[in-house]
């Protein structure tokens, strides 16, 4: 692989695998609010938001870190009151009890208005207007717009002065376009890149395992991870499978339950970052894999997920655990000693099984979906290592691995659009 291509892939991974505190959709909203308020230069009297349906869907039922509250209003209020845009997806890390109380007051005084924008240039789209009104004076306002990815500002404006506008055609779209990946390229990079250039990925293991440890010592979300740890061993045994499901679901419990911790995300999703990381870390520890094997397996898992997201898009009706657990299955096969053909077999096995799992928003129950994904990842890897692979005569699986992945993403991106609209309709009308 050419050095310049390798450099671009490393830059892509570093951009897509980053720390995030809380669910990335409400956090992205808080980030956009913080930027609008910073541009205004003072605490606003009111904040008005226009959001794409997928942002609303993924922010309705999730805990906001350090607040004990769920949903968008508290994320908006805290973004306005204490958010710092320089923190990126950790914008709310300065939450204090005093700030939380002020945030509740901000909500109760009716200072927040949230609107659904049915037609947006991206499934991930956030518009914020922060206003300051003074009696006898002209109202001042500032606007910030994020679109395409969770931290991609395309417009910043104060009153009539445009401070920043992304030029047409420059906006970061729903996919990463720096390097057009394919599965062979992903495999060669993961297995051949100099170790010193990619060992930064081990930090994802440290951060995400710390999130799991937080949940296992507390009570977050539905406590699936700690329930499995306490009560599940008579069903699963003290096995690698139990360890994988326990750790991965626990980290999701903490994140979706509003624990004040960061996780290492993938493609703008903390749950995807957890799912790409912890099955690989858990199995590597059980098998006593060395640092190089662990590093390359993690890179393979994360970059496979990034590759799939290139054609799927940031947000869709397809649950992100389908993508991330497919990456994890590839990483598990590598740790089991499998070659490229067996990794491709595991991916095909995953596509044959999990395609069609809907995303009905970020919420504590995501831990159960993630557990379904990672248990399927183990099963798919095991079948692949035993020489078993779903054939092109079965369902949407094709003989070519890249075509198989495109078949998966076409269903998630295109065919499930009506599903996405119906899911949102059901959620908002309950």
Protein backbone atom coordinates (compact mmCIF):
# COMPACT_ATOMS: atom_id res chain seq x y z
CA UNK A 1 0.00 0.00 0.00
CA UNK A 2 1.34 3.43 -0.94
CA UNK A 3 2.54 5.57 1.94
CA UNK A 4 0.22 8.44 1.01
CA UNK A 5 -2.84 6.16 0.97
CA UNK A 6 -1.80 4.68 4.31
CA UNK A 7 -1.44 8.17 5.75
CA UNK A 8 -4.94 9.14 4.59
CA UNK A 9 -6.45 6.00 6.13
CA UNK A 10 -4.74 6.74 9.45
CA UNK A 11 -6.10 10.30 9.35
CA UNK A 12 -9.55 8.90 8.61
CA UNK A 13 -9.42 6.52 11.58
CA UNK A 14 -8.18 9.27 13.89
CA UNK A 15 -11.07 11.48 12.80
CA UNK A 16 -13.72 8.76 13.03
CA UNK A 17 -12.57 7.09 16.27
CA UNK A 18 -12.75 9.86 18.87
CA UNK A 19 -13.93 10.28 22.48
CA UNK A 20 -17.56 11.28 23.04
CA UNK A 21 -19.45 11.93 26.26
CA UNK A 22 -23.08 10.84 26.06
CA UNK A 23 -25.14 9.84 23.05
CA UNK A 24 -23.70 11.66 20.06
CA UNK A 25 -27.02 13.00 18.70
CA UNK A 26 -28.12 15.07 21.74
CA UNK A 27 -24.46 15.94 22.32
CA UNK A 28 -24.18 17.24 18.74
CA UNK A 29 -27.28 19.34 19.42
CA UNK A 30 -25.66 20.69 22.59
CA UNK A 31 -22.50 21.43 20.60
CA UNK A 32 -24.48 23.39 18.02
CA UNK A 33 -26.30 25.30 20.77
CA UNK A 34 -22.99 26.10 22.49
CA UNK A 35 -21.55 27.48 19.26
CA UNK A 36 -24.63 29.65 18.65
CA UNK A 37 -24.51 31.03 22.20
CA UNK A 38 -20.76 31.69 21.98
CA UNK A 39 -21.39 33.57 18.75
CA UNK A 40 -24.18 35.56 20.40
CA UNK A 41 -21.76 36.42 23.19
CA UNK A 42 -24.23 36.21 26.10
CA UNK A 43 -26.77 33.88 27.66
CA UNK A 44 -29.81 33.83 25.37
CA UNK A 45 -33.39 34.47 26.39
CA UNK A 46 -34.55 31.64 24.16
CA UNK A 47 -33.22 28.97 21.83
CA UNK A 48 -35.06 27.64 18.77
CA UNK A 49 -34.00 24.45 17.03
CA UNK A 50 -34.81 22.75 13.72
CA UNK A 51 -33.80 19.09 13.63
CA UNK A 52 -33.84 16.25 11.14
CA UNK A 53 -35.96 13.25 12.04
CA UNK A 54 -33.00 10.99 12.79
CA UNK A 55 -31.60 13.49 15.30
CA UNK A 56 -34.95 13.60 17.08
CA UNK A 57 -35.26 9.81 17.00
CA UNK A 58 -31.84 9.27 18.53
CA UNK A 59 -32.21 11.90 21.23
CA UNK A 60 -35.67 11.26 22.67
CA UNK A 61 -35.00 8.45 25.13
CA UNK A 62 -31.34 8.59 26.05
CA UNK A 63 -29.77 9.72 29.32
CA UNK A 64 -27.71 12.91 29.31
CA UNK A 65 -24.43 12.45 31.24
CA UNK A 66 -24.32 13.75 34.78
CA UNK A 67 -27.94 14.92 34.83
CA UNK A 68 -30.18 11.97 35.70
CA UNK A 69 -32.45 13.26 32.90
CA UNK A 70 -33.25 12.09 29.39
CA UNK A 71 -33.88 13.77 26.08
CA UNK A 72 -33.14 16.96 24.19
CA UNK A 73 -34.38 19.77 26.48
CA UNK A 74 -31.72 19.33 29.15
CA UNK A 75 -29.02 18.87 26.50
CA UNK A 76 -30.11 22.14 24.87
CA UNK A 77 -30.29 24.00 28.18
CA UNK A 78 -26.85 22.86 29.30
CA UNK A 79 -25.38 23.55 25.89
CA UNK A 80 -26.64 27.12 26.23
CA UNK A 81 -25.51 27.60 29.82
CA UNK A 82 -22.20 25.73 30.24
CA UNK A 83 -21.38 24.15 26.87
CA UNK A 84 -17.97 24.81 25.33
CA UNK A 85 -17.71 24.12 21.61
CA UNK A 86 -13.94 23.67 21.90
CA UNK A 87 -14.63 20.37 23.70
CA UNK A 88 -16.27 18.89 20.58
CA UNK A 89 -18.34 15.82 21.46
CA UNK A 90 -17.37 16.24 25.12
CA UNK A 91 -19.16 19.61 25.11
CA UNK A 92 -21.09 18.86 28.33
CA UNK A 93 -18.21 17.62 30.49
CA UNK A 94 -18.35 20.68 32.80
CA UNK A 95 -21.83 19.87 34.14
CA UNK A 96 -22.25 20.70 37.84
CA UNK A 97 -25.26 20.44 40.19
CA UNK A 98 -25.61 24.22 40.02
CA UNK A 99 -25.62 24.17 36.20
CA UNK A 100 -28.17 21.36 36.22
CA UNK A 101 -30.52 23.36 38.42
CA UNK A 102 -30.19 26.39 36.14
CA UNK A 103 -30.84 24.10 33.18
CA UNK A 104 -34.07 22.85 34.72
CA UNK A 105 -35.17 26.45 35.26
CA UNK A 106 -34.30 27.30 31.64
CA UNK A 107 -36.57 24.45 30.52
CA UNK A 108 -39.42 25.25 32.93
CA UNK A 109 -39.49 28.89 31.82
CA UNK A 110 -40.26 27.74 28.27
CA UNK A 111 -37.09 29.10 26.72
CA UNK A 112 -36.61 26.17 24.33
CA UNK A 113 -38.52 25.44 21.13
CA UNK A 114 -37.78 22.30 19.10
CA UNK A 115 -39.08 21.81 15.56
CA UNK A 116 -38.92 18.82 13.22
CA UNK A 117 -37.53 19.64 9.78
CA UNK A 118 -39.02 17.04 7.39
CA UNK A 119 -36.73 17.95 4.48
CA UNK A 120 -33.02 18.38 5.22
CA UNK A 121 -29.84 18.00 3.13
CA UNK A 122 -28.67 15.22 5.43
CA UNK A 123 -30.21 12.74 7.88
CA UNK A 124 -27.94 14.42 10.41
CA UNK A 125 -28.96 18.09 10.41
CA UNK A 126 -29.18 20.61 13.26
CA UNK A 127 -30.16 24.29 13.06
CA UNK A 128 -29.98 26.50 16.15
CA UNK A 129 -30.98 30.14 16.65
CA UNK A 130 -30.15 31.76 20.00
CA UNK A 131 -31.87 35.09 20.72
CA UNK A 132 -31.33 37.92 23.21
CA UNK A 133 -34.11 40.45 23.65
CA UNK A 134 -33.81 43.83 25.38
CA UNK A 135 -36.71 46.18 25.96
CA UNK A 136 -36.62 49.08 23.56
CA UNK A 137 -33.74 47.58 21.59
CA UNK A 138 -33.42 45.39 18.54
CA UNK A 139 -33.36 41.67 19.22
CA UNK A 140 -29.95 40.12 18.59
CA UNK A 141 -29.57 36.54 17.43
CA UNK A 142 -26.92 34.04 16.42
CA UNK A 143 -27.34 30.97 14.24
CA UNK A 144 -25.28 27.80 13.98
CA UNK A 145 -25.90 24.83 11.68
CA UNK A 146 -24.36 21.36 11.81
CA UNK A 147 -24.94 19.00 8.89
CA UNK A 148 -23.53 15.77 7.51
CA UNK A 149 -21.51 14.75 10.54
CA UNK A 150 -21.78 15.40 14.26
CA UNK A 151 -19.21 18.21 14.44
CA UNK A 152 -19.42 19.64 10.90
CA UNK A 153 -20.52 23.28 11.08
CA UNK A 154 -21.73 24.57 7.73
CA UNK A 155 -23.01 27.98 8.89
CA UNK A 156 -22.27 30.41 11.73
CA UNK A 157 -23.99 33.79 11.68
CA UNK A 158 -24.57 36.71 14.08
CA UNK A 159 -27.48 38.93 13.17
CA UNK A 160 -26.90 39.66 9.46
CA UNK A 161 -23.16 38.97 9.51
CA UNK A 162 -22.09 35.59 8.17
CA UNK A 163 -19.03 34.52 10.15
CA UNK A 164 -18.60 31.20 8.38
CA UNK A 165 -20.34 29.42 5.55
CA UNK A 166 -19.13 26.18 4.07
CA UNK A 167 -18.87 26.48 0.32
CA UNK A 168 -21.26 24.43 -1.79
CA UNK A 169 -19.77 21.02 -2.46
CA UNK A 170 -17.39 21.25 0.50
CA UNK A 171 -19.76 19.97 3.16
CA UNK A 172 -18.93 16.71 4.84
CA UNK A 173 -21.55 14.30 3.54
CA UNK A 174 -22.96 11.27 5.27
CA UNK A 175 -19.93 9.23 4.25
CA UNK A 176 -16.20 9.64 4.56
CA UNK A 177 -14.79 10.33 1.09
CA UNK A 178 -11.05 10.76 1.74
CA UNK A 179 -10.22 7.19 0.69
CA UNK A 180 -12.67 4.98 -1.15
CA UNK A 181 -12.19 1.76 0.77
CA UNK A 182 -12.81 -1.84 -0.17
CA UNK A 183 -12.53 -4.91 2.03
CA UNK A 184 -9.19 -6.05 0.65
CA UNK A 185 -7.73 -2.60 1.30
CA UNK A 186 -9.10 -2.67 4.86
CA UNK A 187 -7.51 -6.08 5.48
CA UNK A 188 -4.13 -5.16 3.99
CA UNK A 189 -3.96 -1.94 5.98
CA UNK A 190 -4.86 -3.66 9.25
CA UNK A 191 -2.37 -6.47 8.78
CA UNK A 192 0.52 -4.65 7.10
CA UNK A 193 0.63 -1.07 8.44
CA UNK A 194 3.65 -0.39 10.69
CA UNK A 195 2.60 -1.09 14.26
CA UNK A 196 3.87 2.23 15.59
CA UNK A 197 1.52 4.05 13.19
CA UNK A 198 -1.65 2.29 14.39
CA UNK A 199 -1.14 1.39 18.05
CA UNK A 200 -3.05 4.53 19.06
CA UNK A 201 -6.17 2.39 18.64
CA UNK A 202 -5.38 0.65 21.94
CA UNK A 203 -6.66 3.78 23.69
CA UNK A 204 -10.15 2.84 22.47
CA UNK A 205 -9.85 -0.38 24.45
CA UNK A 206 -8.77 1.43 27.61
CA UNK A 207 -11.52 4.05 27.46
CA UNK A 208 -14.36 1.70 26.52
CA UNK A 209 -13.38 -0.94 29.07
CA UNK A 210 -13.39 1.77 31.74
CA UNK A 211 -16.97 2.58 30.71
CA UNK A 212 -17.92 -1.08 31.14
CA UNK A 213 -16.28 -1.17 34.58
CA UNK A 214 -18.33 1.89 35.59
CA UNK A 215 -21.57 0.10 34.73
CA UNK A 216 -20.53 -3.15 36.39
CA UNK A 217 -19.98 -1.31 39.66
CA UNK A 218 -23.16 0.78 39.45
CA UNK A 219 -26.73 0.78 38.17
CA UNK A 220 -27.21 2.30 34.72
CA UNK A 221 -29.86 1.78 32.07
CA UNK A 222 -31.31 -1.71 32.24
CA UNK A 223 -28.11 -3.05 33.86
CA UNK A 224 -27.85 -5.85 31.30
CA UNK A 225 -24.09 -6.18 31.70
CA UNK A 226 -24.17 -6.46 35.49
CA UNK A 227 -27.20 -8.79 35.33
CA UNK A 228 -25.24 -11.15 33.09
CA UNK A 229 -22.22 -10.88 35.40
CA UNK A 230 -24.30 -11.66 38.51
CA UNK A 231 -26.90 -14.09 37.20
CA UNK A 232 -25.94 -15.25 33.73
CA UNK A 233 -23.05 -17.60 34.26
CA UNK A 234 -25.25 -20.61 34.95
CA UNK A 235 -26.59 -20.06 31.41
CA UNK A 236 -23.47 -18.86 29.56
CA UNK A 237 -20.73 -20.29 31.77
CA UNK A 238 -17.50 -18.48 32.56
CA UNK A 239 -16.66 -18.32 28.86
CA UNK A 240 -15.33 -15.88 26.25
CA UNK A 241 -18.89 -15.44 24.95
CA UNK A 242 -20.16 -14.43 28.40
CA UNK A 243 -17.24 -12.03 28.85
CA UNK A 244 -17.86 -10.41 25.45
CA UNK A 245 -21.60 -9.92 25.97
CA UNK A 246 -21.13 -8.73 29.55
CA UNK A 247 -18.46 -6.11 28.83
CA UNK A 248 -20.03 -4.78 25.63
CA UNK A 249 -23.56 -4.45 27.03
CA UNK A 250 -22.23 -2.93 30.27
CA UNK A 251 -20.46 -0.11 28.43
CA UNK A 252 -23.70 0.59 26.56
CA UNK A 253 -25.63 0.53 29.86
CA UNK A 254 -23.35 3.25 31.20
CA UNK A 255 -23.48 5.40 28.09
CA UNK A 256 -27.22 5.16 27.47
CA UNK A 257 -27.95 5.48 31.18
CA UNK A 258 -26.27 8.89 31.41
CA UNK A 259 -23.06 7.97 33.25
CA UNK A 260 -20.64 10.93 33.28
CA UNK A 261 -18.04 9.07 31.23
CA UNK A 262 -16.60 9.27 27.74
CA UNK A 263 -16.40 6.39 25.30
CA UNK A 264 -14.39 6.03 22.11
CA UNK A 265 -16.84 6.37 19.24
CA UNK A 266 -16.78 5.16 15.65
CA UNK A 267 -18.27 7.13 12.74
CA UNK A 268 -20.03 9.48 15.15
CA UNK A 269 -21.57 6.76 17.33
CA UNK A 270 -20.45 5.81 20.82
CA UNK A 271 -22.39 2.55 20.71
CA UNK A 272 -20.67 1.63 17.45
CA UNK A 273 -17.31 2.43 19.01
CA UNK A 274 -18.14 0.23 21.99
CA UNK A 275 -19.26 -2.61 19.73
CA UNK A 276 -16.20 -2.40 17.49
CA UNK A 277 -13.89 -2.41 20.49
CA UNK A 278 -14.95 -4.50 23.46
CA UNK A 279 -15.60 -7.90 21.82
CA UNK A 280 -12.07 -7.71 20.39
CA UNK A 281 -10.51 -6.55 23.67
CA UNK A 282 -12.37 -9.15 25.70
CA UNK A 283 -11.45 -12.05 23.43
CA UNK A 284 -7.84 -10.87 23.09
CA UNK A 285 -7.49 -10.88 26.88
CA UNK A 286 -9.05 -14.34 27.19
CA UNK A 287 -6.74 -15.72 24.50
CA UNK A 288 -3.74 -13.82 25.93
CA UNK A 289 -3.10 -12.23 22.54
CA UNK A 290 -0.05 -9.99 22.35
CA UNK A 291 -0.20 -6.24 21.81
CA UNK A 292 0.37 -6.47 18.06
CA UNK A 293 -2.41 -9.00 17.49
CA UNK A 294 -4.79 -6.92 19.61
CA UNK A 295 -3.87 -3.71 17.82
CA UNK A 296 -4.35 -5.17 14.34
CA UNK A 297 -7.64 -6.82 15.30
CA UNK A 298 -8.95 -3.51 16.66
CA UNK A 299 -7.90 -1.64 13.52
CA UNK A 300 -9.58 -4.31 11.38
CA UNK A 301 -12.80 -4.05 13.40
CA UNK A 302 -12.95 -0.24 13.41
CA UNK A 303 -11.92 0.23 9.78
CA UNK A 304 -14.40 -2.40 8.58
CA UNK A 305 -17.14 -0.44 10.32
CA UNK A 306 -15.92 2.83 8.80
CA UNK A 307 -15.90 1.19 5.37
CA UNK A 308 -19.50 -0.02 5.71
CA UNK A 309 -20.60 3.42 6.91
CA UNK A 310 -19.12 5.02 3.80
CA UNK A 311 -22.03 3.71 1.74
CA UNK A 312 -24.63 3.45 4.53
CA UNK A 313 -24.41 7.01 5.89
CA UNK A 314 -24.13 8.38 9.42
CA UNK A 315 -27.74 7.81 10.47
CA UNK A 316 -30.23 5.39 8.97
CA UNK A 317 -33.08 3.03 9.78
CA UNK A 318 -30.54 0.21 10.12
CA UNK A 319 -29.28 -0.27 13.68
CA UNK A 320 -25.63 0.70 13.98
CA UNK A 321 -24.86 -2.47 15.91
CA UNK A 322 -25.28 -4.39 12.63
CA UNK A 323 -22.36 -2.45 11.17
CA UNK A 324 -20.14 -2.41 14.25
CA UNK A 325 -20.65 -6.05 15.21
CA UNK A 326 -19.77 -6.99 11.63
CA UNK A 327 -16.47 -5.21 12.16
CA UNK A 328 -16.07 -6.99 15.49
CA UNK A 329 -16.64 -10.36 13.83
CA UNK A 330 -13.82 -9.62 11.39
CA UNK A 331 -11.55 -8.71 14.31
CA UNK A 332 -12.47 -11.91 16.15
CA UNK A 333 -11.62 -14.05 13.11
CA UNK A 334 -8.21 -12.37 12.94
CA UNK A 335 -7.59 -13.18 16.61
CA UNK A 336 -8.64 -16.78 15.93
CA UNK A 337 -5.94 -17.01 13.25
CA UNK A 338 -8.23 -16.60 10.25
CA UNK A 339 -7.07 -15.28 6.88
CA UNK A 340 -8.79 -12.84 4.50
CA UNK A 341 -11.13 -15.48 3.06
CA UNK A 342 -12.39 -16.44 6.52
CA UNK A 343 -12.86 -12.80 7.48
CA UNK A 344 -14.98 -12.33 4.35
CA UNK A 345 -16.94 -15.46 5.29
CA UNK A 346 -17.68 -14.05 8.74
CA UNK A 347 -18.90 -10.77 7.22
CA UNK A 348 -21.21 -12.65 4.83
CA UNK A 349 -22.54 -14.69 7.76
CA UNK A 350 -23.30 -11.45 9.61
CA UNK A 351 -25.10 -9.91 6.62
CA UNK A 352 -27.18 -13.06 6.25
CA UNK A 353 -28.31 -12.80 9.87
CA UNK A 354 -28.67 -9.21 11.11
CA UNK A 355 -29.73 -7.25 8.01
CA UNK A 356 -32.98 -5.43 8.74
CA UNK A 357 -32.58 -4.77 12.47
CA UNK A 358 -34.25 -1.38 12.88
CA UNK A 359 -32.92 1.65 14.72
CA UNK A 360 -35.68 3.05 16.91
CA UNK A 361 -33.51 5.65 18.59
CA UNK A 362 -30.73 5.73 21.15
CA UNK A 363 -31.93 4.45 24.52
CA UNK A 364 -31.00 2.06 27.36
CA UNK A 365 -32.48 -0.89 25.43
CA UNK A 366 -29.66 -0.48 22.88
CA UNK A 367 -27.63 -2.72 25.20
CA UNK A 368 -29.87 -5.62 24.22
CA UNK A 369 -29.45 -4.95 20.50
CA UNK A 370 -25.70 -4.71 20.93
CA UNK A 371 -25.73 -8.04 22.78
CA UNK A 372 -27.59 -9.59 19.85
CA UNK A 373 -25.00 -8.16 17.49
CA UNK A 374 -21.90 -9.31 19.35
CA UNK A 375 -23.26 -12.79 20.07
CA UNK A 376 -23.94 -13.11 16.34
CA UNK A 377 -20.40 -11.85 15.70
CA UNK A 378 -19.00 -14.72 17.74
CA UNK A 379 -21.24 -17.27 16.00
CA UNK A 380 -20.36 -15.90 12.54
CA UNK A 381 -16.64 -15.99 13.32
CA UNK A 382 -16.90 -19.53 14.65
CA UNK A 383 -18.68 -20.72 11.51
CA UNK A 384 -16.13 -18.99 9.29
CA UNK A 385 -13.24 -20.63 11.12
CA UNK A 386 -14.98 -23.96 10.61
CA UNK A 387 -15.08 -23.34 6.86
CA UNK A 388 -18.78 -22.44 6.76
CA UNK A 389 -20.06 -19.43 4.85
CA UNK A 390 -23.50 -18.37 3.64
CA UNK A 391 -23.47 -18.74 -0.14
CA UNK A 392 -24.58 -16.43 -2.94
CA UNK A 393 -27.61 -18.66 -3.45
CA UNK A 394 -28.93 -17.46 -0.08
CA UNK A 395 -30.70 -14.12 0.30
CA UNK A 396 -28.78 -10.90 -0.30
CA UNK A 397 -25.32 -12.41 0.09
CA UNK A 398 -23.20 -12.18 -3.08
CA UNK A 399 -20.04 -14.06 -3.98
CA UNK A 400 -18.06 -10.79 -3.94
CA UNK A 401 -17.55 -9.38 -0.43
CA UNK A 402 -17.80 -5.72 -1.44
CA UNK A 403 -21.02 -6.33 -3.34
CA UNK A 404 -22.39 -8.13 -0.27
CA UNK A 405 -21.64 -5.07 1.85
CA UNK A 406 -23.26 -2.77 -0.73
CA UNK A 407 -26.36 -4.97 -0.71
CA UNK A 408 -26.55 -4.51 3.06
CA UNK A 409 -26.10 -0.74 2.88
CA UNK A 410 -28.57 -0.27 0.01
CA UNK A 411 -31.25 -1.89 2.14
CA UNK A 412 -30.37 0.23 5.18
CA UNK A 413 -29.95 3.48 3.26
CA UNK A 414 -32.61 3.24 0.54
CA UNK A 415 -35.14 0.48 1.09
CA UNK A 416 -35.69 1.24 4.79
CA UNK A 417 -36.46 4.97 4.37
CA UNK A 418 -40.18 4.41 4.78
CA UNK A 419 -39.44 2.24 7.82
CA UNK A 420 -37.47 5.14 9.26
CA UNK A 421 -40.36 7.56 8.78
CA UNK A 422 -42.84 5.16 10.36
CA UNK A 423 -40.56 4.47 13.33
CA UNK A 424 -40.27 8.21 14.01
CA UNK A 425 -44.02 8.68 13.62
CA UNK A 426 -44.70 5.91 16.15
CA UNK A 427 -42.17 7.36 18.58
CA UNK A 428 -43.44 10.95 18.53
CA UNK A 429 -47.13 9.96 18.69
CA UNK A 430 -46.90 7.64 21.69
